[in-house]
Amino acid sequence: MTETPTLLEAIRTTRSLRRFRPDPIPDGVLRELLEAATCAPSGRNAQGWRFLVIRDPAARQRVGALYKEAWDEYSPPSRLAAIADPRERRRVESAFHLGAHMGDEAPVLVMVCAPRQRDGGDSGGGRTLGASIYPAVQNLLLAARARGIGGCLTTIHLFREAQVKAALGIPEDVDTYALIPLGHPRDNFGPLRRRPVEEVTFLDRWGGPLA
């Protein structure tokens, strides 16, 4: 049995994984991941997140077909030919793979939704949309990492959101925020490659060096 990573190890190794083996995710493990998602911070403790788990093969195929349409619109195949850097090409190739196999490879898809805010209140001018939703997504992915399950946050389905919502019976006044494929990964977890903290952090004022 693989040793469970510490929280910091999980954070440093939870990268986007887009190729999956067909092994099922046990009900108890899936429930554990969803419970971790619901432990995320929530503005006003509203807990407005809703998680639609898609396991039925036919439903996954319908969503996958719409995702592929959206992916082909967002990122046509000609994009690959223009990428010279091998590392970037591998990353984009994995995204193309997911675009072609969203509906038939990962055993579980999770659509993360929330009822639309009726008060229209968004003091951030649109920047706070999802502020109480995406932390739940990260919790779910970190919990998945702890159980040896891979996944990634995708939003490409939004190019076909109306059709996806119709296929899944999602009410008109419920917005979708992320579509997450989950499965036992064919590729390895991290480590992640990130810029040094000193390149992205300032001290006391903009431009002030951290050290």
Protein backbone atom coordinates (compact mmCIF):
# COMPACT_ATOMS: atom_id res chain seq x y z
CA MET A 1 0.00 0.00 0.00
CA THR A 2 1.30 3.44 -0.92
CA GLU A 3 2.08 5.63 2.06
CA THR A 4 -0.31 8.55 2.49
CA PRO A 5 1.52 11.82 1.81
CA THR A 6 1.63 14.59 4.37
CA LEU A 7 -0.42 17.70 3.61
CA LEU A 8 2.60 19.64 2.34
CA GLU A 9 3.74 16.67 0.26
CA ALA A 10 0.28 16.46 -1.28
CA ILE A 11 0.30 20.18 -2.07
CA ARG A 12 3.72 19.91 -3.72
CA THR A 13 2.81 16.87 -5.82
CA THR A 14 -0.84 17.40 -6.81
CA ARG A 15 -0.47 18.20 -10.48
CA SER A 16 -3.07 17.99 -13.21
CA LEU A 17 -3.42 14.37 -14.32
CA ARG A 18 -5.45 13.68 -17.44
CA ARG A 19 -4.86 10.03 -18.34
CA PHE A 20 -6.59 7.33 -16.29
CA ARG A 21 -6.78 3.60 -15.79
CA PRO A 22 -10.29 2.09 -15.78
CA ASP A 23 -10.10 0.88 -12.15
CA PRO A 24 -13.23 2.00 -10.26
CA ILE A 25 -13.16 4.37 -7.31
CA PRO A 26 -14.79 2.70 -4.28
CA ASP A 27 -17.94 4.38 -2.94
CA GLY A 28 -16.36 4.99 0.46
CA VAL A 29 -13.32 6.69 -1.04
CA LEU A 30 -15.45 8.90 -3.29
CA ARG A 31 -17.57 9.93 -0.33
CA GLU A 32 -14.40 10.78 1.60
CA LEU A 33 -13.24 13.05 -1.22
CA LEU A 34 -16.59 14.84 -1.34
CA GLU A 35 -16.61 15.28 2.44
CA ALA A 36 -13.16 16.87 2.18
CA ALA A 37 -14.53 19.25 -0.46
CA THR A 38 -17.31 20.35 1.88
CA CYS A 39 -14.74 21.25 4.55
CA ALA A 40 -13.54 24.18 2.43
CA PRO A 41 -14.09 27.77 3.61
CA SER A 42 -17.39 29.28 2.52
CA GLY A 43 -18.39 32.94 2.47
CA ARG A 44 -21.15 33.61 5.02
CA ASN A 45 -20.96 29.85 5.65
CA ALA A 46 -23.49 29.56 2.82
CA GLN A 47 -22.04 26.22 1.66
CA GLY A 48 -23.59 26.83 -1.74
CA TRP A 49 -21.54 24.18 -3.54
CA ARG A 50 -23.31 21.29 -5.18
CA PHE A 51 -21.51 18.23 -6.55
CA LEU A 52 -22.99 16.20 -9.38
CA VAL A 53 -21.20 12.83 -9.54
CA ILE A 54 -21.36 11.29 -13.02
CA ARG A 55 -20.65 7.57 -13.06
CA ASP A 56 -23.13 6.17 -15.57
CA PRO A 57 -21.18 5.35 -18.78
CA ALA A 58 -23.87 6.78 -21.06
CA ALA A 59 -24.00 10.04 -19.10
CA ARG A 60 -20.22 10.29 -19.15
CA GLN A 61 -20.23 9.72 -22.89
CA ARG A 62 -22.76 12.52 -23.42
CA VAL A 63 -20.73 14.94 -21.33
CA GLY A 64 -17.51 13.78 -22.99
CA ALA A 65 -18.88 14.40 -26.47
CA LEU A 66 -19.85 17.95 -25.54
CA TYR A 67 -16.49 18.50 -23.84
CA LYS A 68 -14.71 17.39 -27.03
CA GLU A 69 -16.75 19.84 -29.08
CA ALA A 70 -15.82 22.59 -26.65
CA TRP A 71 -12.16 21.54 -26.57
CA ASP A 72 -11.88 21.49 -30.37
CA GLU A 73 -13.32 25.01 -30.46
CA TYR A 74 -11.02 26.24 -27.69
CA SER A 75 -7.86 24.52 -28.86
CA PRO A 76 -7.78 23.31 -32.50
CA PRO A 77 -5.24 20.60 -33.44
CA SER A 78 -3.07 23.16 -35.25
CA ARG A 79 -2.05 24.46 -31.81
CA LEU A 80 0.20 21.46 -31.25
CA ALA A 81 2.23 22.06 -34.39
CA ALA A 82 3.23 25.52 -33.14
CA ILE A 83 4.75 24.27 -29.84
CA ALA A 84 8.51 23.76 -29.95
CA ASP A 85 9.32 23.29 -26.25
CA PRO A 86 9.14 19.52 -25.47
CA ARG A 87 7.92 20.02 -21.90
CA GLU A 88 5.12 22.36 -22.97
CA ARG A 89 4.25 20.01 -25.81
CA ARG A 90 3.83 17.08 -23.37
CA ARG A 91 1.54 19.20 -21.21
CA VAL A 92 -0.60 20.26 -24.14
CA GLU A 93 -0.69 16.71 -25.52
CA SER A 94 -2.13 15.50 -22.21
CA ALA A 95 -4.80 18.19 -22.43
CA PHE A 96 -5.64 17.06 -25.97
CA HIS A 97 -5.85 13.49 -24.70
CA LEU A 98 -8.36 14.53 -22.05
CA GLY A 99 -10.31 16.46 -24.67
CA ALA A 100 -10.68 13.27 -26.69
CA HIS A 101 -11.32 10.93 -23.74
CA MET A 102 -13.19 12.91 -21.07
CA GLY A 103 -16.23 10.68 -21.44
CA ASP A 104 -14.68 7.23 -21.72
CA GLU A 105 -11.56 7.00 -19.57
CA ALA A 106 -12.01 8.47 -16.07
CA PRO A 107 -14.50 6.32 -14.12
CA VAL A 108 -15.93 9.34 -12.33
CA LEU A 109 -16.67 12.90 -13.39
CA VAL A 110 -17.64 15.51 -10.82
CA MET A 111 -19.47 18.64 -11.94
CA VAL A 112 -19.12 21.38 -9.33
CA CYS A 113 -22.08 23.76 -9.29
CA ALA A 114 -23.72 26.46 -7.20
CA PRO A 115 -27.14 28.13 -7.28
CA ARG A 116 -26.92 31.52 -8.95
CA GLN A 117 -26.73 34.47 -6.57
CA ARG A 118 -30.02 36.32 -6.72
CA ASP A 119 -28.88 39.50 -4.97
CA GLY A 120 -26.36 40.23 -7.73
CA GLY A 121 -23.93 41.31 -5.04
CA ASP A 122 -20.34 41.03 -6.15
CA SER A 123 -18.24 43.84 -4.74
CA GLY A 124 -15.25 42.51 -6.68
CA GLY A 125 -16.80 43.23 -10.06
CA GLY A 126 -16.86 39.57 -11.01
CA ARG A 127 -13.64 38.62 -9.26
CA THR A 128 -15.34 36.93 -6.33
CA LEU A 129 -17.40 34.55 -8.44
CA GLY A 130 -16.36 31.09 -7.38
CA ALA A 131 -14.44 32.30 -4.34
CA SER A 132 -16.35 29.86 -2.16
CA ILE A 133 -16.40 27.12 -4.81
CA TYR A 134 -12.82 26.68 -6.02
CA PRO A 135 -11.38 26.10 -2.53
CA ALA A 136 -13.73 23.09 -2.36
CA VAL A 137 -12.34 21.90 -5.70
CA GLN A 138 -8.79 22.10 -4.35
CA ASN A 139 -9.79 20.23 -1.19
CA LEU A 140 -11.26 17.48 -3.35
CA LEU A 141 -8.10 17.21 -5.46
CA LEU A 142 -5.83 17.14 -2.42
CA ALA A 143 -7.95 14.45 -0.79
CA ALA A 144 -7.82 12.50 -4.05
CA ARG A 145 -4.03 12.79 -4.05
CA ALA A 146 -3.94 11.37 -0.52
CA ARG A 147 -5.81 8.30 -1.80
CA GLY A 148 -3.67 7.86 -4.92
CA ILE A 149 -6.36 9.23 -7.22
CA GLY A 150 -5.59 11.78 -9.91
CA GLY A 151 -7.66 14.49 -11.50
CA CYS A 152 -7.66 18.06 -12.69
CA LEU A 153 -9.82 21.16 -12.68
CA THR A 154 -11.32 21.90 -16.09
CA THR A 155 -13.68 24.63 -17.24
CA ILE A 156 -13.74 24.02 -21.02
CA HIS A 157 -17.28 22.60 -20.72
CA LEU A 158 -18.46 26.19 -20.27
CA PHE A 159 -18.25 26.58 -24.06
CA ARG A 160 -21.19 24.13 -24.12
CA GLU A 161 -22.65 24.84 -20.70
CA ALA A 162 -26.29 25.04 -21.79
CA GLN A 163 -26.09 21.68 -23.55
CA VAL A 164 -24.22 20.04 -20.66
CA LYS A 165 -26.77 21.32 -18.17
CA ALA A 166 -29.61 20.01 -20.33
CA ALA A 167 -27.94 16.59 -20.61
CA LEU A 168 -27.51 16.37 -16.83
CA GLY A 169 -30.80 17.95 -15.76
CA ILE A 170 -29.10 20.90 -14.05
CA PRO A 171 -31.62 23.71 -13.43
CA GLU A 172 -31.26 26.94 -15.39
CA ASP A 173 -30.59 28.98 -12.22
CA VAL A 174 -27.66 26.75 -11.16
CA ASP A 175 -24.24 27.67 -12.56
CA THR A 176 -21.44 25.22 -13.23
CA TYR A 177 -17.89 26.06 -12.14
CA ALA A 178 -15.70 23.04 -12.83
CA LEU A 179 -15.74 19.59 -14.37
CA ILE A 180 -13.29 17.24 -12.63
CA PRO A 181 -12.31 13.84 -14.02
CA LEU A 182 -11.18 11.45 -11.29
CA GLY A 183 -9.41 8.13 -11.62
CA HIS A 184 -6.32 6.11 -10.90
CA PRO A 185 -3.70 7.91 -12.99
CA ARG A 186 -1.57 6.42 -15.73
CA ASP A 187 1.02 9.16 -15.15
CA ASN A 188 2.94 10.03 -12.00
CA PHE A 189 2.11 12.63 -9.39
CA GLY A 190 4.45 15.65 -9.01
CA PRO A 191 6.74 17.17 -8.04
CA LEU A 192 5.41 20.43 -9.39
CA ARG A 193 7.57 22.94 -11.24
CA ARG A 194 6.92 26.45 -9.99
CA ARG A 195 8.70 29.79 -10.00
CA PRO A 196 10.71 30.57 -6.86
CA VAL A 197 8.73 32.37 -4.17
CA GLU A 198 11.08 35.37 -4.50
CA GLU A 199 9.93 35.91 -8.09
CA VAL A 200 6.26 36.21 -7.21
CA THR A 201 6.28 37.79 -3.74
CA PHE A 202 6.89 41.34 -2.58
CA LEU A 203 7.45 42.68 0.92
CA ASP A 204 5.55 45.69 2.34
CA ARG A 205 5.01 47.38 -1.04
CA TRP A 206 4.78 46.37 -4.69
CA GLY A 207 8.25 45.61 -5.98
CA GLY A 208 9.82 45.33 -2.54
CA PRO A 209 12.09 42.27 -2.45
CA LEU A 210 11.10 39.50 -0.07
CA ALA A 211 14.70 38.89 1.02
